[in-house]
Amino acid sequence: MKIIESEKSSDEKVIKVFNYEIYKKKLKYRKQFIFNKFIQIIKKVNAGKSLIFKLIKVCGLEVLKVFMNGQNRIIYLFKIPVFKQSLFKYYKNWFTKGVDKKYDDIYVLTVHSGEIFVFLTYFAKAFINKNKSKNPLFIVTRNYHKDLVKMIYPEIPYICRDGFPVYIKDNSFKIGNQRFFLLYNWDFYGITKKCISDNLNYLKVMQRNLNLNDNEIALKKIIIPNSDEKNMLEKISKTGLNIDKFIFIAPEATACNLIENEFWLRLISYFKSRKYDIYLNLNDQKMDFKELSPDGFCKSVPLNIIEAFALAKKAKKIISLRSGFSEILFQTGTDMDVIYTEKLYYDYAQISKHMMIFDCAQINDYLVNKQTIKQDLDFIYEEITKSII
């Protein structure tokens, strides 16, 4: 018998001493059990991974509870509230750290690439003007936010924050003399329901959220910094990619179900037989390069969003699984096919018409029905390949 044993699966982690369970962590449900459930720790987070609830029990008795209601942080001891604090005070350091007093308005970018791209491309100028911001600053909370700001608003400075651990219901508030705007401070499931209930494209729901009129918004085009173009060309030259005749394939997505490897292998084989090179954009590590290119024919190298965009502009065709990145790629002007699959979080067939900002006349989009996926994938394959010589 081992003195200490540690077991880990996709669902839980267990530590035993002399076969006695001293610690268990349920990963999916955010529960921890210490000394065979003598102590229990339970956490709950919202859609943005912000802590909204923490409970500690000893022998089944509720000892400590921390609760965030979007406005206040309340601490309970033995079910009795003993401390109440404004969330603005609690999170103040997160918002203000490193923010120079010269900036009057701070715009905090909190969500995924698609929503942030839409905000910067269509709404940021009008929203900043509406707020009469004289010296604005962006706070970016994900690495790719930096790239989007550099591509679309290089004239506005930004600073970085790790993650977005904040649970505040208000979309805007003041700390001292500075105003803070959370973009977008919403539950993704909530906006999905709003799209369906109001029969609106999510672009319009976002516009309504910012209280902007149609005549106030306008497209702001992407600019590729020279340094990123140069970096991309240097990286690509090392792969041997034929930059004059290649197909750009982006098979990864966060919210959509992935497509089986056989479909991509079939497409790759088709283009290869017609003397096209293939570039696989695989920065999310959701798909395996060796499985998609077992013979090593395809090319792939880590690129940031700007570099990937610059490369995609040079492609003969883009084939992308529906993602926020596919919306960014639309500005390349390259012929593009976007493949829809069911969403991981909801019935995609019900809201497919709401979740792409582009008119179907401008872009080829195909809805994949999960129940007849093989038939639909055959159709999609024929549609994509029939226009290639």
Protein backbone atom coordinates (compact mmCIF):
# COMPACT_ATOMS: atom_id res chain seq x y z
CA MET A 1 0.00 0.00 0.00
CA LYS A 2 1.29 3.43 -0.94
CA ILE A 3 1.46 6.07 1.77
CA ILE A 4 0.18 8.82 -0.53
CA GLU A 5 -1.90 8.18 -3.64
CA SER A 6 -3.09 10.76 -6.14
CA GLU A 7 -5.70 10.04 -8.78
CA LYS A 8 -6.93 12.45 -11.44
CA SER A 9 -9.54 12.15 -14.17
CA SER A 10 -11.37 14.64 -16.36
CA ASP A 11 -14.01 15.03 -13.64
CA GLU A 12 -12.17 14.90 -10.32
CA LYS A 13 -8.92 14.80 -8.40
CA VAL A 14 -8.46 12.60 -5.31
CA ILE A 15 -5.62 12.39 -2.76
CA LYS A 16 -5.42 9.52 -0.26
CA VAL A 17 -3.11 8.82 2.69
CA PHE A 18 -2.97 5.17 3.73
CA ASN A 19 -6.03 4.67 1.52
CA TYR A 20 -7.96 7.31 3.49
CA GLU A 21 -9.39 10.09 1.36
CA ILE A 22 -8.08 13.42 2.63
CA TYR A 23 -8.95 15.53 -0.40
CA LYS A 24 -11.32 15.39 -3.36
CA LYS A 25 -12.00 18.08 -5.93
CA LYS A 26 -14.94 17.83 -8.33
CA LEU A 27 -13.63 19.86 -11.26
CA LYS A 28 -16.88 20.28 -13.16
CA TYR A 29 -18.99 21.37 -10.17
CA ARG A 30 -16.27 23.37 -8.36
CA LYS A 31 -16.59 21.38 -5.16
CA GLN A 32 -13.82 20.40 -2.76
CA PHE A 33 -14.03 17.82 0.04
CA ILE A 34 -11.39 17.66 2.79
CA PHE A 35 -10.94 14.75 5.23
CA ASN A 36 -13.64 12.62 3.65
CA LYS A 37 -16.21 15.47 3.44
CA PHE A 38 -15.53 16.74 6.96
CA ILE A 39 -14.94 20.12 5.26
CA GLN A 40 -16.78 21.06 2.06
CA ILE A 41 -15.98 24.06 -0.15
CA ILE A 42 -18.46 24.93 -2.90
CA LYS A 43 -17.97 27.68 -5.47
CA LYS A 44 -20.20 29.07 -8.19
CA VAL A 45 -19.19 31.32 -11.09
CA ASN A 46 -21.14 33.19 -13.76
CA ALA A 47 -20.74 32.82 -17.53
CA GLY A 48 -17.69 35.10 -17.43
CA LYS A 49 -15.96 32.86 -14.85
CA SER A 50 -16.39 35.51 -12.14
CA LEU A 51 -16.88 34.18 -8.61
CA ILE A 52 -20.41 34.92 -7.41
CA PHE A 53 -20.76 32.44 -4.55
CA LYS A 54 -18.50 30.56 -2.11
CA LEU A 55 -19.66 28.32 0.72
CA ILE A 56 -17.66 26.48 3.40
CA LYS A 57 -19.28 23.75 5.48
CA VAL A 58 -17.83 21.85 8.45
CA CYS A 59 -19.61 18.63 9.48
CA GLY A 60 -22.50 19.73 7.26
CA LEU A 61 -22.85 23.02 9.14
CA GLU A 62 -22.68 26.22 7.07
CA VAL A 63 -19.75 28.19 8.53
CA LEU A 64 -18.85 30.80 5.91
CA LYS A 65 -20.59 32.11 2.81
CA VAL A 66 -19.43 34.84 0.43
CA PHE A 67 -22.08 36.11 -1.97
CA MET A 68 -21.79 38.60 -4.85
CA ASN A 69 -25.08 40.06 -6.08
CA GLY A 70 -23.68 42.32 -8.80
CA GLN A 71 -23.61 45.39 -6.55
CA ASN A 72 -22.28 44.22 -3.17
CA ARG A 73 -20.08 41.54 -1.66
CA ILE A 74 -21.71 40.07 1.45
CA ILE A 75 -20.01 37.75 3.96
CA TYR A 76 -22.05 35.48 6.23
CA LEU A 77 -20.84 33.64 9.35
CA PHE A 78 -23.18 30.84 10.41
CA LYS A 79 -25.85 32.32 8.09
CA ILE A 80 -25.60 35.75 9.77
CA PRO A 81 -24.47 38.67 7.52
CA VAL A 82 -21.38 40.21 9.17
CA PHE A 83 -19.80 42.26 6.38
CA LYS A 84 -21.07 44.15 3.33
CA GLN A 85 -18.87 45.93 0.79
CA SER A 86 -19.55 47.72 -2.49
CA LEU A 87 -18.19 45.73 -5.44
CA PHE A 88 -16.78 48.96 -6.85
CA LYS A 89 -14.54 49.21 -3.77
CA TYR A 90 -13.77 45.50 -3.81
CA TYR A 91 -12.65 45.58 -7.45
CA LYS A 92 -11.25 49.12 -7.40
CA ASN A 93 -7.61 48.04 -7.57
CA TRP A 94 -8.28 45.75 -10.52
CA PHE A 95 -9.73 48.63 -12.52
CA THR A 96 -7.40 51.46 -11.47
CA LYS A 97 -4.00 49.76 -11.19
CA GLY A 98 -1.64 51.29 -13.76
CA VAL A 99 -4.32 53.63 -15.13
CA ASP A 100 -2.94 57.15 -15.45
CA LYS A 101 -5.19 59.92 -14.17
CA LYS A 102 -4.89 61.69 -17.54
CA TYR A 103 -7.37 59.23 -19.08
CA ASP A 104 -10.94 60.39 -18.59
CA ASP A 105 -12.78 57.33 -19.92
CA ILE A 106 -11.63 53.73 -19.73
CA TYR A 107 -13.19 51.09 -22.00
CA VAL A 108 -12.80 47.56 -20.62
CA LEU A 109 -12.88 44.84 -23.30
CA THR A 110 -14.21 41.73 -21.60
CA VAL A 111 -15.59 39.22 -24.13
CA HIS A 112 -14.58 37.06 -27.09
CA SER A 113 -12.90 38.07 -30.35
CA GLY A 114 -16.12 38.24 -32.39
CA GLU A 115 -17.93 40.64 -30.07
CA ILE A 116 -14.85 42.82 -29.52
CA PHE A 117 -14.18 42.92 -33.26
CA VAL A 118 -17.77 44.03 -33.88
CA PHE A 119 -17.54 46.73 -31.21
CA LEU A 120 -14.25 48.13 -32.49
CA THR A 121 -15.23 47.87 -36.16
CA TYR A 122 -18.76 49.27 -36.03
CA PHE A 123 -19.48 50.95 -32.71
CA ALA A 124 -16.37 52.20 -30.88
CA LYS A 125 -16.01 55.52 -32.70
CA ALA A 126 -19.69 56.43 -32.28
CA PHE A 127 -19.78 55.25 -28.66
CA ILE A 128 -16.62 57.15 -27.69
CA ASN A 129 -17.96 60.29 -29.42
CA LYS A 130 -21.33 59.89 -27.71
CA ASN A 131 -19.56 59.77 -24.34
CA LYS A 132 -17.49 62.86 -25.31
CA SER A 133 -14.32 61.09 -24.24
CA LYS A 134 -11.34 63.42 -24.57
CA ASN A 135 -8.57 60.98 -23.65
CA PRO A 136 -9.82 57.38 -23.78
CA LEU A 137 -7.95 54.22 -22.79
CA PHE A 138 -8.67 50.55 -23.51
CA ILE A 139 -8.17 47.86 -20.88
CA VAL A 140 -7.73 44.54 -22.69
CA THR A 141 -8.34 41.28 -20.83
CA ARG A 142 -7.20 38.71 -23.40
CA ASN A 143 -4.07 38.50 -25.53
CA TYR A 144 -5.92 38.74 -28.83
CA HIS A 145 -7.68 41.94 -27.67
CA LYS A 146 -4.28 43.65 -28.02
CA ASP A 147 -4.06 42.59 -31.65
CA LEU A 148 -7.58 43.80 -32.41
CA VAL A 149 -6.87 47.21 -30.87
CA LYS A 150 -3.60 47.48 -32.82
CA MET A 151 -5.40 46.56 -36.06
CA ILE A 152 -8.44 48.81 -35.69
CA TYR A 153 -7.60 51.55 -33.15
CA PRO A 154 -3.82 51.99 -33.11
CA GLU A 155 -4.35 55.64 -32.12
CA ILE A 156 -5.90 54.71 -28.75
CA PRO A 157 -3.52 53.40 -26.04
CA TYR A 158 -4.24 50.23 -24.07
CA ILE A 159 -3.05 48.39 -20.97
CA CYS A 160 -3.42 44.71 -20.18
CA ARG A 161 -5.19 42.90 -17.36
CA ASP A 162 -5.18 39.16 -16.66
CA GLY A 163 -8.66 37.79 -17.19
CA PHE A 164 -11.86 39.48 -16.12
CA PRO A 165 -12.75 38.30 -12.59
CA VAL A 166 -15.33 41.02 -12.11
CA TYR A 167 -19.03 40.54 -11.40
CA ILE A 168 -20.72 43.93 -11.64
CA LYS A 169 -24.19 44.34 -13.10
CA ASP A 170 -23.69 47.93 -14.23
CA ASN A 171 -22.33 48.58 -17.72
CA SER A 172 -20.70 51.85 -16.63
CA PHE A 173 -19.62 53.51 -13.38
CA LYS A 174 -17.20 56.09 -11.95
CA ILE A 175 -14.16 55.62 -9.77
CA GLY A 176 -12.96 59.05 -8.70
CA ASN A 177 -13.14 61.32 -11.74
CA GLN A 178 -12.73 58.49 -14.25
CA ARG A 179 -15.54 56.69 -16.02
CA PHE A 180 -15.36 52.96 -16.78
CA PHE A 181 -17.38 51.19 -19.48
CA LEU A 182 -17.64 47.39 -19.57
CA LEU A 183 -17.81 45.98 -23.12
CA TYR A 184 -19.74 43.82 -23.14
CA ASN A 185 -20.96 43.19 -19.62
CA TRP A 186 -23.53 40.51 -20.41
CA ASP A 187 -24.27 36.83 -20.16
CA PHE A 188 -23.72 35.16 -23.56
CA TYR A 189 -26.81 33.01 -23.04
CA GLY A 190 -28.75 36.21 -22.37
CA ILE A 191 -27.83 37.83 -25.68
CA THR A 192 -28.68 34.60 -27.48
CA LYS A 193 -32.18 34.62 -25.98
CA LYS A 194 -32.50 38.31 -26.86
CA CYS A 195 -31.65 37.60 -30.50
CA ILE A 196 -34.40 34.99 -30.66
CA SER A 197 -37.09 36.84 -28.68
CA ASP A 198 -36.65 40.11 -30.62
CA ASN A 199 -35.81 38.43 -33.95
CA LEU A 200 -32.64 40.50 -34.28
CA ASN A 201 -29.14 39.84 -35.52
CA TYR A 202 -26.67 40.02 -32.62
CA LEU A 203 -25.05 43.05 -34.28
CA LYS A 204 -28.34 44.89 -33.69
CA VAL A 205 -28.62 43.64 -30.12
CA MET A 206 -25.15 44.97 -29.39
CA GLN A 207 -26.05 48.28 -31.06
CA ARG A 208 -29.16 48.56 -28.92
CA ASN A 209 -27.11 47.75 -25.82
CA LEU A 210 -24.94 50.80 -26.58
CA ASN A 211 -27.97 52.98 -27.43
CA LEU A 212 -26.63 53.94 -30.86
CA ASN A 213 -28.67 54.90 -33.94
CA ASP A 214 -28.01 53.52 -37.42
CA ASN A 215 -26.76 56.88 -38.69
CA GLU A 216 -24.14 57.00 -35.92
CA ILE A 217 -22.27 53.83 -36.90
CA ALA A 218 -19.82 53.21 -39.72
CA LEU A 219 -17.30 50.55 -40.69
CA LYS A 220 -13.71 51.11 -39.52
CA LYS A 221 -11.29 49.12 -41.65
CA ILE A 222 -8.44 47.00 -40.39
CA ILE A 223 -4.89 48.27 -40.75
CA ILE A 224 -2.01 45.78 -40.75
CA PRO A 225 1.04 47.21 -38.94
CA ASN A 226 4.20 46.90 -41.05
CA SER A 227 6.01 45.08 -38.24
CA ASP A 228 3.36 42.35 -38.11
CA GLU A 229 3.35 41.95 -41.90
CA LYS A 230 7.13 41.55 -41.78
CA ASN A 231 6.97 39.06 -38.91
CA MET A 232 4.36 37.01 -40.76
CA LEU A 233 6.44 36.83 -43.94
CA GLU A 234 9.53 35.78 -41.97
CA LYS A 235 7.62 32.99 -40.18
CA ILE A 236 5.90 31.77 -43.35
CA SER A 237 9.13 31.74 -45.37
CA LYS A 238 10.49 29.11 -42.98
CA THR A 239 7.53 26.78 -43.67
CA GLY A 240 8.03 26.69 -47.44
CA LEU A 241 4.41 27.71 -48.09
CA ASN A 242 3.74 28.72 -51.70
CA ILE A 243 2.35 32.14 -50.85
CA ASP A 244 1.23 32.69 -54.46
CA LYS A 245 -1.12 29.69 -54.54
CA PHE A 246 -2.48 28.43 -51.24
CA ILE A 247 -5.75 27.78 -49.36
CA PHE A 248 -6.17 29.14 -45.82
CA ILE A 249 -8.10 26.68 -43.61
CA ALA A 250 -9.26 27.59 -40.09
CA PRO A 251 -10.93 24.45 -38.65
CA GLU A 252 -11.05 25.52 -34.98
CA ALA A 253 -13.73 27.30 -32.95
CA THR A 254 -14.58 27.78 -29.29
CA ALA A 255 -18.38 27.81 -29.26
CA CYS A 256 -19.13 25.62 -32.31
CA ASN A 257 -18.79 21.85 -32.47
CA LEU A 258 -15.71 20.79 -34.42
CA ILE A 259 -15.99 18.91 -37.71
CA GLU A 260 -14.60 15.40 -38.06
CA ASN A 261 -11.07 15.10 -39.44
CA GLU A 262 -12.23 13.10 -42.47
CA PHE A 263 -13.97 16.15 -43.91
CA TRP A 264 -10.84 18.31 -43.69
CA LEU A 265 -8.63 15.51 -45.02
CA ARG A 266 -10.93 15.16 -48.02
CA LEU A 267 -10.74 18.91 -48.74
CA ILE A 268 -6.99 18.98 -48.29
CA SER A 269 -6.57 16.05 -50.68
CA TYR A 270 -8.71 17.82 -53.29
CA PHE A 271 -6.71 21.05 -53.19
CA LYS A 272 -3.43 19.16 -53.09
CA SER A 273 -4.38 17.31 -56.30
CA ARG A 274 -4.86 20.71 -57.96
CA LYS A 275 -1.40 21.94 -56.93
CA TYR A 276 -2.54 24.24 -54.11
CA ASP A 277 -0.56 24.58 -50.95
CA ILE A 278 -2.51 24.40 -47.67
CA TYR A 279 -2.08 26.55 -44.58
CA LEU A 280 -3.76 25.29 -41.39
CA ASN A 281 -4.54 27.93 -38.78
CA LEU A 282 -4.29 25.91 -35.54
CA ASN A 283 -3.49 28.37 -32.77
CA ASP A 284 -6.18 27.07 -30.35
CA GLN A 285 -4.74 23.53 -30.24
CA LYS A 286 -8.21 22.02 -30.57
CA MET A 287 -7.20 20.14 -33.70
CA ASP A 288 -4.04 18.07 -34.19
CA PHE A 289 -1.77 19.01 -37.11
CA LYS A 290 -0.48 15.45 -37.57
CA GLU A 291 -4.04 14.10 -37.84
CA LEU A 292 -4.99 16.70 -40.47
CA SER A 293 -1.71 16.38 -42.35
CA PRO A 294 -0.24 12.92 -41.68
CA ASP A 295 2.14 13.26 -44.64
CA GLY A 296 3.33 16.70 -43.51
CA PHE A 297 2.13 18.36 -46.72
CA CYS A 298 0.23 21.21 -45.02
CA LYS A 299 1.95 24.19 -43.44
CA SER A 300 1.28 25.70 -40.03
CA VAL A 301 3.11 28.01 -37.65
CA PRO A 302 1.96 29.99 -34.57
CA LEU A 303 0.61 33.38 -35.74
CA ASN A 304 -1.15 36.11 -33.80
CA ILE A 305 -4.46 37.46 -35.13
CA ILE A 306 -2.79 40.27 -37.10
CA GLU A 307 -0.28 37.93 -38.74
CA ALA A 308 -2.98 35.36 -39.55
CA PHE A 309 -5.14 38.10 -41.06
CA ALA A 310 -2.22 39.37 -43.16
CA LEU A 311 -1.54 35.86 -44.44
CA ALA A 312 -5.21 35.14 -45.19
CA LYS A 313 -5.35 38.28 -47.39
CA LYS A 314 -2.87 36.57 -49.72
CA ALA A 315 -4.78 33.27 -49.96
CA LYS A 316 -6.77 32.15 -52.99
CA LYS A 317 -9.56 31.01 -50.69
CA ILE A 318 -10.42 30.88 -46.97
CA ILE A 319 -12.37 27.99 -45.50
CA SER A 320 -13.34 28.56 -41.88
CA LEU A 321 -15.46 26.96 -39.22
CA ARG A 322 -17.85 29.59 -37.83
CA SER A 323 -16.02 31.58 -35.14
CA GLY A 324 -15.28 35.13 -34.08
CA PHE A 325 -12.13 34.86 -36.17
CA SER A 326 -14.20 34.15 -39.29
CA GLU A 327 -15.86 37.56 -38.89
CA ILE A 328 -12.45 39.22 -38.66
CA LEU A 329 -11.30 37.35 -41.79
CA PHE A 330 -14.20 38.79 -43.79
CA GLN A 331 -12.30 42.09 -44.01
CA THR A 332 -9.49 40.35 -45.93
CA GLY A 333 -11.60 40.56 -49.10
CA THR A 334 -10.52 36.99 -49.91
CA ASP A 335 -13.15 34.56 -51.23
CA MET A 336 -14.37 32.78 -48.10
CA ASP A 337 -16.61 29.88 -47.09
CA VAL A 338 -17.88 29.77 -43.51
CA ILE A 339 -19.18 26.44 -42.25
CA TYR A 340 -21.79 26.44 -39.51
CA THR A 341 -22.13 23.55 -37.07
CA GLU A 342 -24.32 23.25 -34.01
CA LYS A 343 -23.30 25.42 -31.10
CA LEU A 344 -22.03 23.80 -27.93
CA TYR A 345 -24.31 25.92 -25.77
CA TYR A 346 -27.68 26.01 -27.49
CA ASP A 347 -29.79 24.82 -30.42
CA TYR A 348 -27.90 26.51 -33.21
CA ALA A 349 -30.46 25.73 -35.90
CA GLN A 350 -32.93 27.92 -33.99
CA ILE A 351 -30.77 31.04 -34.09
CA SER A 352 -28.39 30.55 -37.03
CA LYS A 353 -29.74 33.58 -38.88
CA HIS A 354 -28.96 35.84 -35.92
CA MET A 355 -25.34 34.97 -35.26
CA MET A 356 -23.45 36.13 -38.35
CA ILE A 357 -23.04 39.84 -39.01
CA PHE A 358 -22.74 39.40 -42.77
CA ASP A 359 -25.45 39.27 -45.39
CA CYS A 360 -25.72 35.85 -47.03
CA ALA A 361 -25.27 37.53 -50.41
CA GLN A 362 -21.79 38.60 -49.33
CA ILE A 363 -20.56 35.33 -47.89
CA ASN A 364 -21.15 31.63 -48.41
CA ASP A 365 -22.54 30.12 -45.21
CA TYR A 366 -23.74 26.58 -44.69
CA LEU A 367 -25.75 25.26 -41.78
CA VAL A 368 -24.74 21.75 -40.74
CA ASN A 369 -27.57 19.75 -39.19
CA LYS A 370 -26.15 17.38 -36.59
CA GLN A 371 -28.66 14.64 -37.38
CA THR A 372 -27.70 14.55 -41.08
CA ILE A 373 -24.14 15.72 -40.80
CA LYS A 374 -22.68 13.25 -43.32
CA GLN A 375 -25.15 14.26 -46.01
CA ASP A 376 -24.63 17.94 -45.29
CA LEU A 377 -20.84 17.64 -45.23
CA ASP A 378 -20.96 16.01 -48.66
CA PHE A 379 -23.03 18.94 -49.89
CA ILE A 380 -20.66 21.45 -48.32
CA TYR A 381 -17.66 19.70 -49.87
CA GLU A 382 -19.24 19.93 -53.33
CA GLU A 383 -20.17 23.59 -52.85
CA ILE A 384 -16.69 24.57 -51.70
CA THR A 385 -14.78 22.69 -54.38
CA LYS A 386 -16.94 23.38 -57.43
CA SER A 387 -15.62 26.93 -57.77
CA ILE A 388 -11.95 25.92 -57.66
CA ILE A 389 -10.19 25.34 -60.96
